[in-house]
Amino acid sequence: MEKVSNLQEIFANNLKHKRKKKGLTQAKLADLVGVSTSFITEIETARKAPSFQTIEKIASVLETPAWTLFSEYSDIKSQSDNNDSQELMRFLLKNKISDIIEEVIK
């Protein structure tokens, strides 16, 4: 799993993934959110960042909790979209515990 370097890029990648999964074009998402198509393009390429209000609108249109747009584990997230969110939390917790153990062992 490739790790993305910053929060804006993580958001951009997750937005693009979730938009495509919903079968929405950038133009349709922009229309539903109330922004321009070029703004959605700039968000998805990590050139601009949306406001909190726009993030909430995007999440609502994509029918996903806003926090999922900031998760580095988008591939796991997409597998768990139809599963209980507890599975995702277990996965993230196990990864965090593994990271802590690795740090202690070093």
PDB file of N, CA and C in Angstrom:
ATOM      1  N   MET A   1       0.845  -1.168   0.000  1.00  0.00           N
ATOM      2  CA  MET A   1       0.000   0.000   0.000  1.00  0.00           C
ATOM      3  C   MET A   1       0.895   1.237   0.000  1.00  0.00           C
ATOM      4  N   GLU A   2       0.716   2.097  -0.985  1.00  0.00           N
ATOM      5  CA  GLU A   2       1.512   3.306  -1.083  1.00  0.00           C
ATOM      6  C   GLU A   2       0.973   4.366  -0.150  1.00  0.00           C
ATOM      7  N   LYS A   3       1.868   4.943   0.628  1.00  0.00           N
ATOM      8  CA  LYS A   3       1.464   5.982   1.557  1.00  0.00           C
ATOM      9  C   LYS A   3       1.542   7.342   0.871  1.00  0.00           C
ATOM     10  N   VAL A   4       0.505   8.128   1.019  1.00  0.00           N
ATOM     11  CA  VAL A   4       0.461   9.457   0.431  1.00  0.00           C
ATOM     12  C   VAL A   4       1.101  10.422   1.414  1.00  0.00           C
ATOM     13  N   SER A   5       1.777  11.458   0.888  1.00  0.00           N
ATOM     14  CA  SER A   5       2.622  12.288   1.730  1.00  0.00           C
ATOM     15  C   SER A   5       1.913  13.324   2.589  1.00  0.00           C
ATOM     16  N   ASN A   6       0.800  13.863   2.177  1.00  0.00           N
ATOM     17  CA  ASN A   6       0.185  14.861   3.043  1.00  0.00           C
ATOM     18  C   ASN A   6      -1.338  14.778   3.012  1.00  0.00           C
ATOM     19  N   LEU A   7      -1.944  15.437   3.960  1.00  0.00           N
ATOM     20  CA  LEU A   7      -3.386  15.351   4.151  1.00  0.00           C
ATOM     21  C   LEU A   7      -4.176  15.819   2.928  1.00  0.00           C
ATOM     22  N   GLN A   8      -3.697  16.867   2.276  1.00  0.00           N
ATOM     23  CA  GLN A   8      -4.395  17.370   1.096  1.00  0.00           C
ATOM     24  C   GLN A   8      -4.371  16.338  -0.029  1.00  0.00           C
ATOM     25  N   GLU A   9      -3.246  15.655  -0.210  1.00  0.00           N
ATOM     26  CA  GLU A   9      -3.160  14.613  -1.240  1.00  0.00           C
ATOM     27  C   GLU A   9      -4.017  13.399  -0.881  1.00  0.00           C
ATOM     28  N   ILE A  10      -4.049  13.059   0.395  1.00  0.00           N
ATOM     29  CA  ILE A  10      -4.902  11.956   0.852  1.00  0.00           C
ATOM     30  C   ILE A  10      -6.362  12.284   0.536  1.00  0.00           C
ATOM     31  N   PHE A  11      -6.779  13.492   0.892  1.00  0.00           N
ATOM     32  CA  PHE A  11      -8.144  13.928   0.616  1.00  0.00           C
ATOM     33  C   PHE A  11      -8.425  13.866  -0.881  1.00  0.00           C
ATOM     34  N   ALA A  12      -7.512  14.384  -1.690  1.00  0.00           N
ATOM     35  CA  ALA A  12      -7.686  14.409  -3.147  1.00  0.00           C
ATOM     36  C   ALA A  12      -7.868  13.000  -3.705  1.00  0.00           C
ATOM     37  N   ASN A  13      -7.016  12.075  -3.287  1.00  0.00           N
ATOM     38  CA  ASN A  13      -7.101  10.695  -3.770  1.00  0.00           C
ATOM     39  C   ASN A  13      -8.402  10.030  -3.347  1.00  0.00           C
ATOM     40  N   ASN A  14      -8.788  10.227  -2.092  1.00  0.00           N
ATOM     41  CA  ASN A  14     -10.023   9.613  -1.602  1.00  0.00           C
ATOM     42  C   ASN A  14     -11.250  10.204  -2.284  1.00  0.00           C
ATOM     43  N   LEU A  15     -11.249  11.504  -2.502  1.00  0.00           N
ATOM     44  CA  LEU A  15     -12.368  12.145  -3.189  1.00  0.00           C
ATOM     45  C   LEU A  15     -12.528  11.558  -4.588  1.00  0.00           C
ATOM     46  N   LYS A  16     -11.447  11.486  -5.315  1.00  0.00           N
ATOM     47  CA  LYS A  16     -11.494  10.960  -6.684  1.00  0.00           C
ATOM     48  C   LYS A  16     -11.997   9.512  -6.689  1.00  0.00           C
ATOM     49  N   HIS A  17     -11.466   8.707  -5.775  1.00  0.00           N
ATOM     50  CA  HIS A  17     -11.867   7.295  -5.682  1.00  0.00           C
ATOM     51  C   HIS A  17     -13.357   7.165  -5.376  1.00  0.00           C
ATOM     52  N   LYS A  18     -13.819   7.886  -4.370  1.00  0.00           N
ATOM     53  CA  LYS A  18     -15.227   7.780  -3.963  1.00  0.00           C
ATOM     54  C   LYS A  18     -16.166   8.364  -5.023  1.00  0.00           C
ATOM     55  N   ARG A  19     -15.742   9.436  -5.683  1.00  0.00           N
ATOM     56  CA  ARG A  19     -16.562  10.023  -6.744  1.00  0.00           C
ATOM     57  C   ARG A  19     -16.762   9.022  -7.877  1.00  0.00           C
ATOM     58  N   LYS A  20     -15.663   8.390  -8.295  1.00  0.00           N
ATOM     59  CA  LYS A  20     -15.747   7.414  -9.375  1.00  0.00           C
ATOM     60  C   LYS A  20     -16.571   6.198  -8.962  1.00  0.00           C
ATOM     61  N   LYS A  21     -16.399   5.769  -7.712  1.00  0.00           N
ATOM     62  CA  LYS A  21     -17.153   4.628  -7.218  1.00  0.00           C
ATOM     63  C   LYS A  21     -18.652   4.903  -7.257  1.00  0.00           C
ATOM     64  N   LYS A  22     -19.045   6.154  -7.022  1.00  0.00           N
ATOM     65  CA  LYS A  22     -20.456   6.550  -7.079  1.00  0.00           C
ATOM     66  C   LYS A  22     -20.928   6.765  -8.518  1.00  0.00           C
ATOM     67  N   GLY A  23     -19.995   6.706  -9.474  1.00  0.00           N
ATOM     68  CA  GLY A  23     -20.366   6.902 -10.872  1.00  0.00           C
ATOM     69  C   GLY A  23     -20.624   8.350 -11.239  1.00  0.00           C
ATOM     70  N   LEU A  24     -20.017   9.264 -10.489  1.00  0.00           N
ATOM     71  CA  LEU A  24     -20.214  10.689 -10.746  1.00  0.00           C
ATOM     72  C   LEU A  24     -19.040  11.268 -11.536  1.00  0.00           C
ATOM     73  N   THR A  25     -19.354  12.140 -12.471  1.00  0.00           N
ATOM     74  CA  THR A  25     -18.303  12.906 -13.138  1.00  0.00           C
ATOM     75  C   THR A  25     -17.935  14.077 -12.235  1.00  0.00           C
ATOM     76  N   GLN A  26     -16.820  14.710 -12.539  1.00  0.00           N
ATOM     77  CA  GLN A  26     -16.454  15.905 -11.786  1.00  0.00           C
ATOM     78  C   GLN A  26     -17.527  16.976 -11.951  1.00  0.00           C
ATOM     79  N   ALA A  27     -18.067  17.091 -13.153  1.00  0.00           N
ATOM     80  CA  ALA A  27     -19.097  18.099 -13.419  1.00  0.00           C
ATOM     81  C   ALA A  27     -20.362  17.831 -12.599  1.00  0.00           C
ATOM     82  N   LYS A  28     -20.777  16.572 -12.514  1.00  0.00           N
ATOM     83  CA  LYS A  28     -21.985  16.237 -11.757  1.00  0.00           C
ATOM     84  C   LYS A  28     -21.762  16.476 -10.264  1.00  0.00           C
ATOM     85  N   LEU A  29     -20.599  16.060  -9.742  1.00  0.00           N
ATOM     86  CA  LEU A  29     -20.295  16.303  -8.332  1.00  0.00           C
ATOM     87  C   LEU A  29     -20.289  17.799  -8.050  1.00  0.00           C
ATOM     88  N   ALA A  30     -19.648  18.562  -8.922  1.00  0.00           N
ATOM     89  CA  ALA A  30     -19.592  20.016  -8.747  1.00  0.00           C
ATOM     90  C   ALA A  30     -20.993  20.608  -8.699  1.00  0.00           C
ATOM     91  N   ASP A  31     -21.864  20.160  -9.594  1.00  0.00           N
ATOM     92  CA  ASP A  31     -23.236  20.656  -9.631  1.00  0.00           C
ATOM     93  C   ASP A  31     -23.971  20.334  -8.332  1.00  0.00           C
ATOM     94  N   LEU A  32     -23.807  19.096  -7.839  1.00  0.00           N
ATOM     95  CA  LEU A  32     -24.497  18.680  -6.619  1.00  0.00           C
ATOM     96  C   LEU A  32     -23.966  19.395  -5.370  1.00  0.00           C
ATOM     97  N   VAL A  33     -22.679  19.726  -5.391  1.00  0.00           N
ATOM     98  CA  VAL A  33     -22.056  20.395  -4.246  1.00  0.00           C
ATOM     99  C   VAL A  33     -22.247  21.911  -4.322  1.00  0.00           C
ATOM    100  N   GLY A  34     -22.406  22.425  -5.537  1.00  0.00           N
ATOM    101  CA  GLY A  34     -22.579  23.869  -5.705  1.00  0.00           C
ATOM    102  C   GLY A  34     -21.284  24.616  -5.911  1.00  0.00           C
ATOM    103  N   VAL A  35     -20.322  23.954  -6.558  1.00  0.00           N
ATOM    104  CA  VAL A  35     -19.047  24.586  -6.884  1.00  0.00           C
ATOM    105  C   VAL A  35     -18.782  24.372  -8.372  1.00  0.00           C
ATOM    106  N   SER A  36     -17.710  24.945  -8.884  1.00  0.00           N
ATOM    107  CA  SER A  36     -17.380  24.775 -10.299  1.00  0.00           C
ATOM    108  C   SER A  36     -16.664  23.449 -10.533  1.00  0.00           C
ATOM    109  N   THR A  37     -16.773  22.975 -11.759  1.00  0.00           N
ATOM    110  CA  THR A  37     -16.072  21.750 -12.146  1.00  0.00           C
ATOM    111  C   THR A  37     -14.565  21.937 -11.987  1.00  0.00           C
ATOM    112  N   SER A  38     -14.070  23.106 -12.346  1.00  0.00           N
ATOM    113  CA  SER A  38     -12.619  23.355 -12.235  1.00  0.00           C
ATOM    114  C   SER A  38     -12.163  23.301 -10.780  1.00  0.00           C
ATOM    115  N   PHE A  39     -13.041  23.702  -9.848  1.00  0.00           N
ATOM    116  CA  PHE A  39     -12.677  23.625  -8.431  1.00  0.00           C
ATOM    117  C   PHE A  39     -12.554  22.169  -7.988  1.00  0.00           C
ATOM    118  N   ILE A  40     -13.470  21.312  -8.436  1.00  0.00           N
ATOM    119  CA  ILE A  40     -13.369  19.882  -8.120  1.00  0.00           C
ATOM    120  C   ILE A  40     -12.077  19.317  -8.702  1.00  0.00           C
ATOM    121  N   THR A  41     -11.742  19.695  -9.919  1.00  0.00           N
ATOM    122  CA  THR A  41     -10.488  19.248 -10.538  1.00  0.00           C
ATOM    123  C   THR A  41      -9.296  19.687  -9.699  1.00  0.00           C
ATOM    124  N   GLU A  42      -9.311  20.929  -9.247  1.00  0.00           N
ATOM    125  CA  GLU A  42      -8.197  21.433  -8.435  1.00  0.00           C
ATOM    126  C   GLU A  42      -8.118  20.733  -7.082  1.00  0.00           C
ATOM    127  N   ILE A  43      -9.254  20.365  -6.510  1.00  0.00           N
ATOM    128  CA  ILE A  43      -9.242  19.612  -5.254  1.00  0.00           C
ATOM    129  C   ILE A  43      -8.661  18.225  -5.496  1.00  0.00           C
ATOM    130  N   GLU A  44      -9.117  17.555  -6.564  1.00  0.00           N
ATOM    131  CA  GLU A  44      -8.670  16.182  -6.847  1.00  0.00           C
ATOM    132  C   GLU A  44      -7.205  16.114  -7.263  1.00  0.00           C
ATOM    133  N   THR A  45      -6.628  17.219  -7.674  1.00  0.00           N
ATOM    134  CA  THR A  45      -5.202  17.246  -8.016  1.00  0.00           C
ATOM    135  C   THR A  45      -4.380  17.901  -6.902  1.00  0.00           C
ATOM    136  N   ALA A  46      -5.013  18.133  -5.772  1.00  0.00           N
ATOM    137  CA  ALA A  46      -4.369  18.689  -4.574  1.00  0.00           C
ATOM    138  C   ALA A  46      -3.765  20.075  -4.810  1.00  0.00           C
ATOM    139  N   ARG A  47      -4.345  20.821  -5.729  1.00  0.00           N
ATOM    140  CA  ARG A  47      -3.882  22.190  -5.955  1.00  0.00           C
ATOM    141  C   ARG A  47      -4.645  23.192  -5.095  1.00  0.00           C
ATOM    142  N   LYS A  48      -5.869  22.835  -4.691  1.00  0.00           N
ATOM    143  CA  LYS A  48      -6.667  23.690  -3.809  1.00  0.00           C
ATOM    144  C   LYS A  48      -7.316  22.818  -2.753  1.00  0.00           C
ATOM    145  N   ALA A  49      -7.630  23.439  -1.629  1.00  0.00           N
ATOM    146  CA  ALA A  49      -8.287  22.727  -0.533  1.00  0.00           C
ATOM    147  C   ALA A  49      -9.676  23.321  -0.321  1.00  0.00           C
ATOM    148  N   PRO A  50     -10.666  22.467  -0.121  1.00  0.00           N
ATOM    149  CA  PRO A  50     -12.029  22.965   0.118  1.00  0.00           C
ATOM    150  C   PRO A  50     -12.207  23.459   1.546  1.00  0.00           C
ATOM    151  N   SER A  51     -13.219  24.284   1.743  1.00  0.00           N
ATOM    152  CA  SER A  51     -13.570  24.742   3.092  1.00  0.00           C
ATOM    153  C   SER A  51     -14.244  23.595   3.840  1.00  0.00           C
ATOM    154  N   PHE A  52     -14.399  23.748   5.139  1.00  0.00           N
ATOM    155  CA  PHE A  52     -15.111  22.735   5.922  1.00  0.00           C
ATOM    156  C   PHE A  52     -16.534  22.563   5.400  1.00  0.00           C
ATOM    157  N   GLN A  53     -17.175  23.666   5.074  1.00  0.00           N
ATOM    158  CA  GLN A  53     -18.544  23.615   4.563  1.00  0.00           C
ATOM    159  C   GLN A  53     -18.603  22.796   3.269  1.00  0.00           C
ATOM    160  N   THR A  54     -17.649  23.003   2.382  1.00  0.00           N
ATOM    161  CA  THR A  54     -17.616  22.253   1.128  1.00  0.00           C
ATOM    162  C   THR A  54     -17.301  20.782   1.380  1.00  0.00           C
ATOM    163  N   ILE A  55     -16.423  20.509   2.329  1.00  0.00           N
ATOM    164  CA  ILE A  55     -16.121  19.115   2.686  1.00  0.00           C
ATOM    165  C   ILE A  55     -17.390  18.420   3.162  1.00  0.00           C
ATOM    166  N   GLU A  56     -18.163  19.091   3.992  1.00  0.00           N
ATOM    167  CA  GLU A  56     -19.413  18.510   4.486  1.00  0.00           C
ATOM    168  C   GLU A  56     -20.393  18.246   3.344  1.00  0.00           C
ATOM    169  N   LYS A  57     -20.481  19.169   2.384  1.00  0.00           N
ATOM    170  CA  LYS A  57     -21.369  18.978   1.235  1.00  0.00           C
ATOM    171  C   LYS A  57     -20.896  17.802   0.383  1.00  0.00           C
ATOM    172  N   ILE A  58     -19.580  17.728   0.145  1.00  0.00           N
ATOM    173  CA  ILE A  58     -19.020  16.626  -0.649  1.00  0.00           C
ATOM    174  C   ILE A  58     -19.327  15.292   0.024  1.00  0.00           C
ATOM    175  N   ALA A  59     -19.076  15.217   1.314  1.00  0.00           N
ATOM    176  CA  ALA A  59     -19.333  13.977   2.054  1.00  0.00           C
ATOM    177  C   ALA A  59     -20.804  13.592   1.979  1.00  0.00           C
ATOM    178  N   SER A  60     -21.676  14.573   2.086  1.00  0.00           N
ATOM    179  CA  SER A  60     -23.106  14.305   2.010  1.00  0.00           C
ATOM    180  C   SER A  60     -23.497  13.756   0.636  1.00  0.00           C
ATOM    181  N   VAL A  61     -23.003  14.391  -0.410  1.00  0.00           N
ATOM    182  CA  VAL A  61     -23.298  13.939  -1.773  1.00  0.00           C
ATOM    183  C   VAL A  61     -22.749  12.524  -2.005  1.00  0.00           C
ATOM    184  N   LEU A  62     -21.549  12.262  -1.483  1.00  0.00           N
ATOM    185  CA  LEU A  62     -20.939  10.941  -1.666  1.00  0.00           C
ATOM    186  C   LEU A  62     -21.479   9.907  -0.678  1.00  0.00           C
ATOM    187  N   GLU A  63     -22.346  10.368   0.230  1.00  0.00           N
ATOM    188  CA  GLU A  63     -22.952   9.496   1.244  1.00  0.00           C
ATOM    189  C   GLU A  63     -21.888   8.742   2.043  1.00  0.00           C
ATOM    190  N   THR A  64     -20.938   9.515   2.567  1.00  0.00           N
ATOM    191  CA  THR A  64     -19.854   8.956   3.360  1.00  0.00           C
ATOM    192  C   THR A  64     -19.548   9.903   4.513  1.00  0.00           C
ATOM    193  N   PRO A  65     -19.119   9.387   5.651  1.00  0.00           N
ATOM    194  CA  PRO A  65     -18.699  10.297   6.724  1.00  0.00           C
ATOM    195  C   PRO A  65     -17.496  11.131   6.256  1.00  0.00           C
ATOM    196  N   ALA A  66     -17.478  12.395   6.606  1.00  0.00           N
ATOM    197  CA  ALA A  66     -16.403  13.285   6.156  1.00  0.00           C
ATOM    198  C   ALA A  66     -15.015  12.764   6.537  1.00  0.00           C
ATOM    199  N   TRP A  67     -14.892  12.133   7.711  1.00  0.00           N
ATOM    200  CA  TRP A  67     -13.572  11.674   8.151  1.00  0.00           C
ATOM    201  C   TRP A  67     -12.975  10.643   7.196  1.00  0.00           C
ATOM    202  N   THR A  68     -13.811   9.892   6.475  1.00  0.00           N
ATOM    203  CA  THR A  68     -13.257   8.870   5.576  1.00  0.00           C
ATOM    204  C   THR A  68     -12.499   9.487   4.411  1.00  0.00           C
ATOM    205  N   LEU A  69     -12.770  10.737   4.116  1.00  0.00           N
ATOM    206  CA  LEU A  69     -12.047  11.403   3.041  1.00  0.00           C
ATOM    207  C   LEU A  69     -10.614  11.761   3.443  1.00  0.00           C
ATOM    208  N   PHE A  70     -10.317  11.653   4.735  1.00  0.00           N
ATOM    209  CA  PHE A  70      -8.981  11.977   5.238  1.00  0.00           C
ATOM    210  C   PHE A  70      -8.167  10.745   5.629  1.00  0.00           C
ATOM    211  N   SER A  71      -8.718   9.556   5.448  1.00  0.00           N
ATOM    212  CA  SER A  71      -8.049   8.327   5.869  1.00  0.00           C
ATOM    213  C   SER A  71      -7.020   7.870   4.845  1.00  0.00           C
ATOM    214  N   GLU A  72      -5.828   7.516   5.326  1.00  0.00           N
ATOM    215  CA  GLU A  72      -4.784   7.006   4.438  1.00  0.00           C
ATOM    216  C   GLU A  72      -5.099   5.611   3.925  1.00  0.00           C
ATOM    217  N   TYR A  73      -6.036   4.940   4.546  1.00  0.00           N
ATOM    218  CA  TYR A  73      -6.308   3.549   4.213  1.00  0.00           C
ATOM    219  C   TYR A  73      -7.499   3.435   3.278  1.00  0.00           C
ATOM    220  N   SER A  74      -7.436   4.159   2.159  1.00  0.00           N
ATOM    221  CA  SER A  74      -8.584   4.193   1.255  1.00  0.00           C
ATOM    222  C   SER A  74      -8.891   2.842   0.642  1.00  0.00           C
ATOM    223  N   ASP A  75      -7.868   2.008   0.395  1.00  0.00           N
ATOM    224  CA  ASP A  75      -8.145   0.694  -0.184  1.00  0.00           C
ATOM    225  C   ASP A  75      -8.885  -0.185   0.814  1.00  0.00           C
ATOM    226  N   ILE A  76      -8.542  -0.114   2.076  1.00  0.00           N
ATOM    227  CA  ILE A  76      -9.253  -0.863   3.107  1.00  0.00           C
ATOM    228  C   ILE A  76     -10.646  -0.273   3.292  1.00  0.00           C
ATOM    229  N   LYS A  77     -10.728   1.062   3.263  1.00  0.00           N
ATOM    230  CA  LYS A  77     -12.004   1.740   3.406  1.00  0.00           C
ATOM    231  C   LYS A  77     -12.989   1.292   2.347  1.00  0.00           C
ATOM    232  N   SER A  78     -12.528   1.211   1.099  1.00  0.00           N
ATOM    233  CA  SER A  78     -13.451   0.866   0.037  1.00  0.00           C
ATOM    234  C   SER A  78     -13.960  -0.557   0.205  1.00  0.00           C
ATOM    235  N   GLN A  79     -13.132  -1.442   0.762  1.00  0.00           N
ATOM    236  CA  GLN A  79     -13.577  -2.807   1.023  1.00  0.00           C
ATOM    237  C   GLN A  79     -14.599  -2.823   2.139  1.00  0.00           C
ATOM    238  N   SER A  80     -14.491  -1.895   3.077  1.00  0.00           N
ATOM    239  CA  SER A  80     -15.378  -1.915   4.239  1.00  0.00           C
ATOM    240  C   SER A  80     -16.593  -1.014   4.083  1.00  0.00           C
ATOM    241  N   ASP A  81     -16.738  -0.353   2.926  1.00  0.00           N
ATOM    242  CA  ASP A  81     -17.882   0.537   2.742  1.00  0.00           C
ATOM    243  C   ASP A  81     -19.204  -0.163   3.022  1.00  0.00           C
ATOM    244  N   ASN A  82     -19.296  -1.436   2.671  1.00  0.00           N
ATOM    245  CA  ASN A  82     -20.540  -2.170   2.884  1.00  0.00           C
ATOM    246  C   ASN A  82     -20.489  -3.016   4.158  1.00  0.00           C
ATOM    247  N   ASN A  83     -19.385  -2.977   4.864  1.00  0.00           N
ATOM    248  CA  ASN A  83     -19.231  -3.750   6.099  1.00  0.00           C
ATOM    249  C   ASN A  83     -19.381  -2.832   7.296  1.00  0.00           C
ATOM    250  N   ASP A  84     -19.358  -3.443   8.440  1.00  0.00           N
ATOM    251  CA  ASP A  84     -19.433  -2.688   9.686  1.00  0.00           C
ATOM    252  C   ASP A  84     -18.180  -1.835   9.832  1.00  0.00           C
ATOM    253  N   SER A  85     -18.345  -0.578  10.196  1.00  0.00           N
ATOM    254  CA  SER A  85     -17.188   0.311  10.350  1.00  0.00           C
ATOM    255  C   SER A  85     -16.266  -0.146  11.475  1.00  0.00           C
ATOM    256  N   GLN A  86     -16.753  -1.025  12.332  1.00  0.00           N
ATOM    257  CA  GLN A  86     -15.895  -1.567  13.387  1.00  0.00           C
ATOM    258  C   GLN A  86     -14.736  -2.360  12.806  1.00  0.00           C
ATOM    259  N   GLU A  87     -14.936  -3.003  11.663  1.00  0.00           N
ATOM    260  CA  GLU A  87     -13.851  -3.753  11.018  1.00  0.00           C
ATOM    261  C   GLU A  87     -12.716  -2.811  10.622  1.00  0.00           C
ATOM    262  N   LEU A  88     -13.064  -1.667  10.083  1.00  0.00           N
ATOM    263  CA  LEU A  88     -12.052  -0.681   9.718  1.00  0.00           C
ATOM    264  C   LEU A  88     -11.311  -0.199  10.956  1.00  0.00           C
ATOM    265  N   MET A  89     -12.044   0.081  12.011  1.00  0.00           N
ATOM    266  CA  MET A  89     -11.413   0.554  13.233  1.00  0.00           C
ATOM    267  C   MET A  89     -10.479  -0.507  13.819  1.00  0.00           C
ATOM    268  N   ARG A  90     -10.872  -1.767  13.767  1.00  0.00           N
ATOM    269  CA  ARG A  90      -9.991  -2.854  14.233  1.00  0.00           C
ATOM    270  C   ARG A  90      -8.705  -2.888  13.419  1.00  0.00           C
ATOM    271  N   PHE A  91      -8.838  -2.772  12.100  1.00  0.00           N
ATOM    272  CA  PHE A  91      -7.678  -2.779  11.224  1.00  0.00           C
ATOM    273  C   PHE A  91      -6.728  -1.627  11.564  1.00  0.00           C
ATOM    274  N   LEU A  92      -7.288  -0.431  11.706  1.00  0.00           N
ATOM    275  CA  LEU A  92      -6.462   0.740  12.017  1.00  0.00           C
ATOM    276  C   LEU A  92      -5.783   0.599  13.373  1.00  0.00           C
ATOM    277  N   LEU A  93      -6.506   0.068  14.351  1.00  0.00           N
ATOM    278  CA  LEU A  93      -5.947  -0.132  15.680  1.00  0.00           C
ATOM    279  C   LEU A  93      -4.809  -1.145  15.638  1.00  0.00           C
ATOM    280  N   LYS A  94      -4.993  -2.245  14.927  1.00  0.00           N
ATOM    281  CA  LYS A  94      -3.928  -3.255  14.803  1.00  0.00           C
ATOM    282  C   LYS A  94      -2.686  -2.646  14.149  1.00  0.00           C
ATOM    283  N   ASN A  95      -2.884  -1.837  13.111  1.00  0.00           N
ATOM    284  CA  ASN A  95      -1.741  -1.191  12.464  1.00  0.00           C
ATOM    285  C   ASN A  95      -1.023  -0.252  13.416  1.00  0.00           C
ATOM    286  N   LYS A  96      -1.776   0.507  14.185  1.00  0.00           N
ATOM    287  CA  LYS A  96      -1.177   1.450  15.131  1.00  0.00           C
ATOM    288  C   LYS A  96      -0.397   0.701  16.212  1.00  0.00           C
ATOM    289  N   ILE A  97      -0.961  -0.391  16.712  1.00  0.00           N
ATOM    290  CA  ILE A  97      -0.280  -1.196  17.724  1.00  0.00           C
ATOM    291  C   ILE A  97       1.005  -1.766  17.138  1.00  0.00           C
ATOM    292  N   SER A  98       0.947  -2.250  15.904  1.00  0.00           N
ATOM    293  CA  SER A  98       2.145  -2.778  15.257  1.00  0.00           C
ATOM    294  C   SER A  98       3.222  -1.711  15.119  1.00  0.00           C
ATOM    295  N   ASP A  99       2.809  -0.495  14.751  1.00  0.00           N
ATOM    296  CA  ASP A  99       3.769   0.618  14.629  1.00  0.00           C
ATOM    297  C   ASP A  99       4.433   0.916  15.970  1.00  0.00           C
ATOM    298  N   ILE A 100       3.644   0.908  17.039  1.00  0.00           N
ATOM    299  CA  ILE A 100       4.183   1.181  18.380  1.00  0.00           C
ATOM    300  C   ILE A 100       5.158   0.087  18.798  1.00  0.00           C
ATOM    301  N   ILE A 101       4.802  -1.157  18.548  1.00  0.00           N
ATOM    302  CA  ILE A 101       5.698  -2.277  18.880  1.00  0.00           C
ATOM    303  C   ILE A 101       7.000  -2.163  18.115  1.00  0.00           C
ATOM    304  N   GLU A 102       6.935  -1.829  16.835  1.00  0.00           N
ATOM    305  CA  GLU A 102       8.138  -1.648  16.026  1.00  0.00           C
ATOM    306  C   GLU A 102       9.039  -0.568  16.605  1.00  0.00           C
ATOM    307  N   GLU A 103       8.449   0.538  17.042  1.00  0.00           N
ATOM    308  CA  GLU A 103       9.214   1.634  17.624  1.00  0.00           C
ATOM    309  C   GLU A 103       9.898   1.192  18.934  1.00  0.00           C
ATOM    310  N   VAL A 104       9.188   0.427  19.757  1.00  0.00           N
ATOM    311  CA  VAL A 104       9.735  -0.030  21.033  1.00  0.00           C
ATOM    312  C   VAL A 104      10.877  -1.013  20.793  1.00  0.00           C
ATOM    313  N   ILE A 105      10.741  -1.873  19.809  1.00  0.00           N
ATOM    314  CA  ILE A 105      11.756  -2.889  19.513  1.00  0.00           C
ATOM    315  C   ILE A 105      13.039  -2.261  18.987  1.00  0.00           C
ATOM    316  N   LYS A 106      12.919  -1.163  18.255  1.00  0.00           N
ATOM    317  CA  LYS A 106      14.115  -0.516  17.677  1.00  0.00           C
ATOM    318  C   LYS A 106      15.040  -0.123  18.733  1.00  0.00           C
TER     319      LYS A 106
END
